[in-house]
Amino acid sequence: MTKASAERDGQPLERPDTPRRVAVLTHMGRPAAVEAATRLVEGLNASGVISALPANDLAALDPRLAPAMVPLAKPVRPEDGIELMVVLGGDGTILRGTEWVVASEIPLLGVNLGHVGFLAEAESSEIDTIVKRVVDRSYTVEERFTIDVTLRDSKTFKSEWSSYAINEVSIEKAARERMLEVLVEVDGRPLSRWACDGMLVATPTGSTAYAFSAGGPVIWPGVDALLVVPLSAHALFARPLVLSPTSTVVVEVLDVSPTHGVVWCDGRRSVELHAGMEIEVSRGKQRLRLARLSQAPFTDRLVHKFGLRVEGWRGSADPAITMIDTPA
C-alpha cells in the first residue's frame, strides 16, 4: 500500500521514532485461540511491531513474549498509537472487539476461530499471511452502518439507557408464556401494533445474523438501511421491512402489555424493559471500520460462509474462492 493510499484509508503512517502497535484480542479460554494469538504476536514481533493486549490476556501468553507486548486500555484512544485491532475468534468475540475500537475509528480485522464467522476476514490457518499483510499494511478498509439505541419513558421522554449495535437491537419478552404488546412507529408516524415475542431492528451487517434466523432478508453490506423484523407476531401484516437509513424507529411497549422484557444490543449489552417504555433506534454516529484482505464480492462470501450449492452455474470458471487475496 502506498503512502497516499494509506492516508486515504485512514491508516496511520509509520514514524521512525514511534514503534508500530497492533491490538490483539481473542478468547483466552480456548487453547486454539491462545495458540493462534501466540503465533500472531511472535510474527508481529519479528517485524518490529508491538502487540497491545488486554492486561488479563498478557499472562496467558508465553512470558518470553513479554517484551513484545503492552497492556491495552478500553476503549482504545487515538493517542494510544494503535493502528489496527486483530480479533481471533467467532462473531461473538469480534463483536466484543468492536467495543474497544468503534469510537476511535480504528479498523478491525477478524480472524475466524468459530463456525460461520461472517464478520471474519481470514481463517486461523492463515496466520503467517495475515502477519505479512498487517506488517505491509496491504489491506483496505470498509465502513459498515451501525445503529444507536435509546431507551426512555414514553410519557416523560426521560432517557434511561443508551447503547449502539453493529448487528441488531432485539426487544424480547422475558416470560416464555406471555407476549409483548408493542406499537411500532417509523419517522414519527404509527406503523402497526403487534402482540409478539419481540422485535428486531438490524443493520445490513446483522441481516445475516439473528434477523436472518427470524426470516429477514439478506442485505448487501454496501447498502445503508434499517431492517425491522417482528418476532412471532400474531398479525397478518408481520413481514420484515427494509427502511431508509435516515429513518427513526420507535418501539413502544404498551401499558396493556402483561409482561416485561429485555433489550439486547448485539447480544452483549442489555437492560430490562417495562410497560410504558419505548426504544428509539436510528443511524449510528459512528461507523464500524473493517479491514479487508480480499476483494471477493459479497456474493462469493455468502456462498462460502453458508456453503450454498452453485454447481451447474454456467459462468466463467474461477479458482476456488479464498478468504485472502494473494498480492501480485
Protein backbone atom coordinates (compact mmCIF):
# COMPACT_ATOMS: atom_id res chain seq x y z
CA MET A 1 0.00 0.00 0.00
CA THR A 2 1.40 3.39 -0.93
CA LYS A 3 1.70 6.34 1.41
CA ALA A 4 -1.12 8.10 -0.45
CA SER A 5 -3.45 5.10 -0.20
CA ALA A 6 -2.65 4.66 3.49
CA GLU A 7 -3.60 8.27 4.12
CA ARG A 8 -6.78 7.86 2.08
CA ASP A 9 -7.84 4.76 4.04
CA GLY A 10 -7.21 6.48 7.35
CA GLN A 11 -4.34 4.20 8.36
CA PRO A 12 -1.62 5.84 10.47
CA LEU A 13 1.72 6.23 8.77
CA GLU A 14 4.79 4.82 10.45
CA ARG A 15 7.09 7.31 12.13
CA PRO A 16 10.73 6.38 12.73
CA ASP A 17 10.61 7.40 16.40
CA THR A 18 7.42 5.51 17.27
CA PRO A 19 7.15 1.68 17.27
CA ARG A 20 4.07 0.45 15.47
CA ARG A 21 1.33 -1.04 17.63
CA VAL A 22 -1.39 -3.52 16.72
CA ALA A 23 -4.08 -4.54 19.22
CA VAL A 24 -4.76 -8.27 19.61
CA LEU A 25 -7.95 -9.64 21.17
CA THR A 26 -9.00 -13.26 21.48
CA HIS A 27 -10.83 -15.80 23.65
CA MET A 28 -8.09 -16.75 26.10
CA GLY A 29 -10.16 -19.62 27.50
CA ARG A 30 -9.70 -21.62 24.28
CA PRO A 31 -6.35 -23.36 23.68
CA ALA A 32 -6.65 -22.91 19.90
CA ALA A 33 -7.20 -19.18 20.39
CA VAL A 34 -4.17 -18.86 22.68
CA GLU A 35 -2.04 -20.74 20.15
CA ALA A 36 -3.20 -18.51 17.28
CA ALA A 37 -2.61 -15.35 19.33
CA THR A 38 0.88 -16.55 20.25
CA ARG A 39 1.77 -17.13 16.60
CA LEU A 40 0.38 -13.72 15.68
CA VAL A 41 2.34 -11.88 18.40
CA GLU A 42 5.53 -13.78 17.50
CA GLY A 43 5.14 -12.89 13.83
CA LEU A 44 4.44 -9.22 14.54
CA ASN A 45 7.36 -9.04 16.96
CA ALA A 46 9.73 -10.47 14.36
CA SER A 47 8.82 -7.50 12.15
CA GLY A 48 9.23 -4.94 14.93
CA VAL A 49 5.52 -4.43 15.63
CA ILE A 50 4.38 -4.27 19.27
CA SER A 51 1.20 -6.14 20.23
CA ALA A 52 -1.24 -4.50 22.65
CA LEU A 53 -3.45 -6.92 24.61
CA PRO A 54 -5.92 -6.56 27.49
CA ALA A 55 -3.98 -6.77 30.77
CA ASN A 56 -5.69 -10.03 31.78
CA ASP A 57 -4.66 -11.65 28.49
CA LEU A 58 -0.96 -10.91 28.80
CA ALA A 59 -0.45 -13.60 31.43
CA ALA A 60 -1.98 -16.28 29.19
CA LEU A 61 0.81 -16.00 26.62
CA ASP A 62 4.39 -17.21 26.85
CA PRO A 63 6.28 -14.96 29.31
CA ARG A 64 9.15 -14.85 26.82
CA LEU A 65 6.92 -12.68 24.62
CA ALA A 66 6.58 -10.00 27.34
CA PRO A 67 8.96 -7.50 25.64
CA ALA A 68 6.79 -7.70 22.51
CA MET A 69 3.54 -6.83 24.33
CA VAL A 70 1.98 -3.91 26.18
CA PRO A 71 -1.32 -3.64 28.08
CA LEU A 72 -4.36 -2.39 26.17
CA ALA A 73 -6.86 0.04 27.70
CA LYS A 74 -10.58 0.02 26.94
CA PRO A 75 -11.76 1.87 24.97
CA VAL A 76 -8.78 2.39 22.68
CA ARG A 77 -7.95 6.06 22.26
CA PRO A 78 -6.29 7.71 19.25
CA GLU A 79 -3.34 8.72 21.44
CA ASP A 80 -2.63 5.04 22.21
CA GLY A 81 -1.00 4.74 18.80
CA ILE A 82 -2.95 1.61 17.79
CA GLU A 83 -3.26 1.32 14.00
CA LEU A 84 -5.33 -1.87 13.82
CA MET A 85 -7.08 -4.43 16.04
CA VAL A 86 -6.84 -8.11 15.12
CA VAL A 87 -9.57 -10.22 16.72
CA LEU A 88 -9.22 -14.00 16.78
CA GLY A 89 -12.49 -15.83 17.39
CA GLY A 90 -16.05 -16.20 16.21
CA ASP A 91 -18.51 -13.40 15.56
CA GLY A 92 -19.18 -13.04 19.30
CA THR A 93 -15.53 -12.28 20.03
CA ILE A 94 -15.38 -9.92 17.05
CA LEU A 95 -18.43 -8.06 18.37
CA ARG A 96 -16.62 -7.79 21.71
CA GLY A 97 -13.70 -6.28 19.85
CA THR A 98 -15.89 -3.54 18.41
CA GLU A 99 -16.49 -2.27 21.95
CA TRP A 100 -12.78 -1.43 22.16
CA VAL A 101 -12.33 0.39 18.85
CA VAL A 102 -15.58 1.60 17.26
CA ALA A 103 -15.49 5.02 18.91
CA SER A 104 -11.86 5.61 17.87
CA GLU A 105 -12.45 4.54 14.26
CA ILE A 106 -9.56 2.07 14.38
CA PRO A 107 -10.03 -0.70 11.78
CA LEU A 108 -10.79 -4.21 13.00
CA LEU A 109 -9.56 -7.38 11.30
CA GLY A 110 -11.46 -10.57 12.20
CA VAL A 111 -9.75 -13.97 12.12
CA ASN A 112 -12.22 -16.83 12.30
CA LEU A 113 -11.91 -19.41 15.08
CA GLY A 114 -15.64 -20.13 15.22
CA HIS A 115 -18.11 -21.66 12.79
CA VAL A 116 -19.69 -19.34 10.20
CA GLY A 117 -17.74 -16.25 11.26
CA PHE A 118 -19.49 -13.79 8.93
CA LEU A 119 -17.58 -10.83 10.35
CA ALA A 120 -14.24 -12.59 9.96
CA GLU A 121 -11.95 -11.82 7.06
CA ALA A 122 -9.49 -14.70 7.36
CA GLU A 123 -9.03 -18.13 8.90
CA SER A 124 -6.67 -19.01 11.77
CA SER A 125 -4.70 -21.31 9.44
CA GLU A 126 -3.57 -18.19 7.55
CA ILE A 127 -1.73 -16.51 10.45
CA ASP A 128 1.60 -16.18 8.61
CA THR A 129 -0.09 -14.48 5.65
CA ILE A 130 -2.11 -12.27 8.00
CA VAL A 131 1.07 -11.12 9.73
CA LYS A 132 2.65 -10.19 6.41
CA ARG A 133 -0.42 -8.27 5.26
CA VAL A 134 -0.63 -6.39 8.58
CA VAL A 135 3.07 -5.54 8.56
CA ASP A 136 2.91 -4.38 4.93
CA ARG A 137 -0.40 -2.58 5.56
CA SER A 138 -1.69 -4.29 2.43
CA TYR A 139 -5.35 -4.21 3.38
CA THR A 140 -8.27 -1.99 2.57
CA VAL A 141 -10.81 -0.55 4.99
CA GLU A 142 -14.57 -0.97 4.57
CA GLU A 143 -17.07 1.06 6.60
CA ARG A 144 -20.24 -0.51 7.96
CA PHE A 145 -23.53 1.05 9.04
CA THR A 146 -24.28 0.97 12.79
CA ILE A 147 -27.31 1.94 14.89
CA ASP A 148 -27.76 3.99 18.05
CA VAL A 149 -30.27 2.82 20.65
CA THR A 150 -32.02 4.84 23.37
CA LEU A 151 -34.44 3.53 26.00
CA ARG A 152 -36.74 6.11 27.60
CA ASP A 153 -40.02 6.62 29.41
CA SER A 154 -42.75 7.11 26.80
CA LYS A 155 -44.56 9.72 28.92
CA THR A 156 -41.71 11.85 30.31
CA PHE A 157 -39.27 11.08 27.45
CA LYS A 158 -36.57 10.77 30.09
CA SER A 159 -33.66 8.71 28.76
CA GLU A 160 -33.00 5.60 30.86
CA TRP A 161 -30.23 3.88 28.87
CA SER A 162 -28.37 4.13 25.59
CA SER A 163 -26.02 1.98 23.55
CA TYR A 164 -25.15 1.06 19.97
CA ALA A 165 -25.30 -2.06 17.82
CA ILE A 166 -23.28 -3.49 14.96
CA ASN A 167 -25.70 -6.34 14.17
CA GLU A 168 -29.04 -5.62 15.82
CA VAL A 169 -31.05 -4.41 18.76
CA SER A 170 -33.52 -7.03 19.93
CA ILE A 171 -36.58 -6.26 22.06
CA GLU A 172 -37.67 -9.54 23.63
CA LYS A 173 -40.22 -10.77 26.14
CA ALA A 174 -38.82 -12.03 29.42
CA ALA A 175 -41.53 -14.60 30.20
CA ARG A 176 -41.97 -17.52 27.82
CA GLU A 177 -45.71 -17.92 28.41
CA ARG A 178 -46.61 -14.27 27.72
CA MET A 179 -46.32 -11.88 24.79
CA LEU A 180 -45.28 -8.27 24.43
CA GLU A 181 -47.79 -5.71 23.18
CA VAL A 182 -45.84 -3.21 21.12
CA LEU A 183 -46.64 -0.28 18.87
CA VAL A 184 -44.07 0.48 16.18
CA GLU A 185 -43.57 4.00 14.87
CA VAL A 186 -41.49 4.97 11.83
CA ASP A 187 -40.44 8.58 11.23
CA GLY A 188 -42.96 9.94 13.72
CA ARG A 189 -45.95 8.04 12.31
CA PRO A 190 -47.56 4.86 13.72
CA LEU A 191 -46.94 1.75 11.61
CA SER A 192 -48.60 -1.18 13.41
CA ARG A 193 -49.41 -2.71 16.75
CA TRP A 194 -48.33 -6.27 17.43
CA ALA A 195 -48.65 -8.92 20.11
CA CYS A 196 -45.37 -10.74 19.61
CA ASP A 197 -42.33 -12.39 21.12
CA GLY A 198 -40.35 -9.27 20.32
CA MET A 199 -38.87 -7.05 17.61
CA LEU A 200 -35.54 -6.75 15.86
CA VAL A 201 -34.07 -3.66 14.30
CA ALA A 202 -30.96 -4.74 12.41
CA THR A 203 -28.21 -3.36 10.18
CA PRO A 204 -27.17 -4.85 6.84
CA THR A 205 -24.26 -6.45 8.71
CA GLY A 206 -26.76 -8.04 11.10
CA SER A 207 -29.02 -9.23 8.30
CA THR A 208 -27.04 -12.50 8.18
CA ALA A 209 -27.27 -12.99 11.95
CA TYR A 210 -30.34 -13.03 14.25
CA ALA A 211 -32.51 -11.26 11.68
CA PHE A 212 -31.75 -13.97 9.11
CA SER A 213 -32.76 -16.69 11.58
CA ALA A 214 -36.02 -14.80 12.19
CA GLY A 215 -36.90 -14.79 8.48
CA GLY A 216 -35.44 -11.47 7.43
CA PRO A 217 -33.76 -10.83 4.07
CA VAL A 218 -30.02 -10.68 3.46
CA ILE A 219 -28.97 -7.09 2.74
CA TRP A 220 -25.69 -6.45 0.92
CA PRO A 221 -23.24 -4.58 3.20
CA GLY A 222 -22.87 -1.77 0.65
CA VAL A 223 -26.50 -0.81 1.31
CA ASP A 224 -27.21 1.58 4.18
CA ALA A 225 -30.59 0.62 5.62
CA LEU A 226 -32.55 -0.35 8.71
CA LEU A 227 -34.19 -3.78 8.84
CA VAL A 228 -37.28 -4.27 11.05
CA VAL A 229 -38.28 -7.87 11.82
CA PRO A 230 -41.24 -8.79 14.06
CA LEU A 231 -40.65 -11.95 16.11
CA SER A 232 -43.58 -14.41 16.01
CA ALA A 233 -46.14 -11.62 15.70
CA HIS A 234 -49.85 -12.55 15.82
CA ALA A 235 -50.91 -10.48 12.80
CA LEU A 236 -51.42 -10.78 9.06
CA PHE A 237 -49.07 -7.84 8.44
CA ALA A 238 -45.89 -9.03 10.11
CA ARG A 239 -43.35 -9.14 7.30
CA PRO A 240 -39.77 -7.84 7.60
CA LEU A 241 -39.40 -4.23 6.45
CA VAL A 242 -36.37 -2.52 4.91
CA LEU A 243 -36.29 1.19 5.77
CA SER A 244 -34.31 4.22 4.71
CA PRO A 245 -31.00 4.74 6.55
CA THR A 246 -32.33 8.12 7.71
CA SER A 247 -35.45 6.62 9.28
CA THR A 248 -36.06 6.56 13.01
CA VAL A 249 -37.84 3.56 14.51
CA VAL A 250 -39.60 3.73 17.87
CA VAL A 251 -40.92 0.57 19.55
CA GLU A 252 -43.26 1.33 22.46
CA VAL A 253 -44.19 -1.34 25.00
CA LEU A 254 -47.85 -0.58 25.69
CA ASP A 255 -49.24 -0.27 29.20
CA VAL A 256 -51.59 -3.18 28.47
CA SER A 257 -48.61 -5.48 27.98
CA PRO A 258 -48.82 -8.10 30.77
CA THR A 259 -45.13 -8.84 30.88
CA HIS A 260 -41.79 -7.10 30.98
CA GLY A 261 -38.97 -7.65 28.58
CA VAL A 262 -35.32 -7.04 27.86
CA VAL A 263 -33.41 -5.00 25.29
CA TRP A 264 -30.22 -6.53 23.88
CA CYS A 265 -27.62 -4.86 21.68
CA ASP A 266 -25.63 -7.43 19.70
CA GLY A 267 -26.46 -10.00 22.39
CA ARG A 268 -23.83 -8.35 24.62
CA ARG A 269 -25.32 -5.30 26.34
CA SER A 270 -28.78 -5.43 27.89
CA VAL A 271 -31.29 -3.60 30.05
CA GLU A 272 -34.71 -4.52 31.48
CA LEU A 273 -37.78 -3.22 29.71
CA HIS A 274 -41.15 -2.47 31.31
CA ALA A 275 -44.58 -1.40 30.05
CA GLY A 276 -44.66 2.32 29.31
CA MET A 277 -41.10 2.39 27.93
CA GLU A 278 -40.04 2.94 24.34
CA ILE A 279 -36.91 2.16 22.37
CA GLU A 280 -35.69 4.57 19.71
CA VAL A 281 -33.36 3.27 17.01
CA SER A 282 -31.61 5.42 14.40
CA ARG A 283 -28.47 5.56 12.30
CA GLY A 284 -25.34 5.39 14.44
CA LYS A 285 -23.00 8.33 14.87
CA GLN A 286 -20.00 6.03 14.31
CA ARG A 287 -19.34 3.55 11.54
CA LEU A 288 -17.54 0.27 12.09
CA ARG A 289 -14.31 0.10 10.08
CA LEU A 290 -13.44 -3.43 8.94
CA ALA A 291 -10.04 -4.29 7.49
CA ARG A 292 -10.32 -6.37 4.32
CA LEU A 293 -7.67 -8.70 2.89
CA SER A 294 -9.80 -9.89 -0.02
CA GLN A 295 -11.70 -8.13 -2.77
CA ALA A 296 -14.06 -11.09 -3.25
CA PRO A 297 -17.63 -9.85 -3.90
CA PHE A 298 -20.23 -10.33 -1.19
CA THR A 299 -21.97 -12.98 -3.32
CA ASP A 300 -18.89 -15.19 -3.09
CA ARG A 301 -18.59 -14.59 0.64
CA LEU A 302 -22.24 -15.55 1.09
CA VAL A 303 -21.74 -18.77 -0.86
CA HIS A 304 -18.55 -19.57 1.06
CA LYS A 305 -19.93 -18.88 4.55
CA PHE A 306 -23.29 -20.63 4.09
CA GLY A 307 -21.96 -23.43 1.91
CA LEU A 308 -24.53 -22.66 -0.79
CA ARG A 309 -24.82 -25.02 -3.75
CA VAL A 310 -23.83 -23.38 -7.02
CA GLU A 311 -22.93 -26.40 -9.17
CA GLY A 312 -24.42 -26.10 -12.64
CA TRP A 313 -23.62 -22.39 -12.93
CA ARG A 314 -22.51 -21.74 -16.49
CA GLY A 315 -20.42 -18.65 -15.90
CA SER A 316 -16.67 -18.38 -16.39
CA ALA A 317 -14.60 -20.81 -14.34
CA ASP A 318 -12.75 -19.18 -11.44
CA PRO A 319 -10.34 -20.76 -8.96
CA ALA A 320 -11.71 -21.68 -5.55
CA ILE A 321 -12.57 -18.63 -3.50
CA THR A 322 -10.08 -17.94 -0.71
CA MET A 323 -10.53 -15.54 2.17
CA ILE A 324 -7.24 -13.74 1.45
CA ASP A 325 -6.19 -12.35 -1.90
CA THR A 326 -2.63 -13.17 -2.87
CA PRO A 327 -0.85 -9.94 -3.87
CA ALA A 328 0.61 -9.98 -7.36
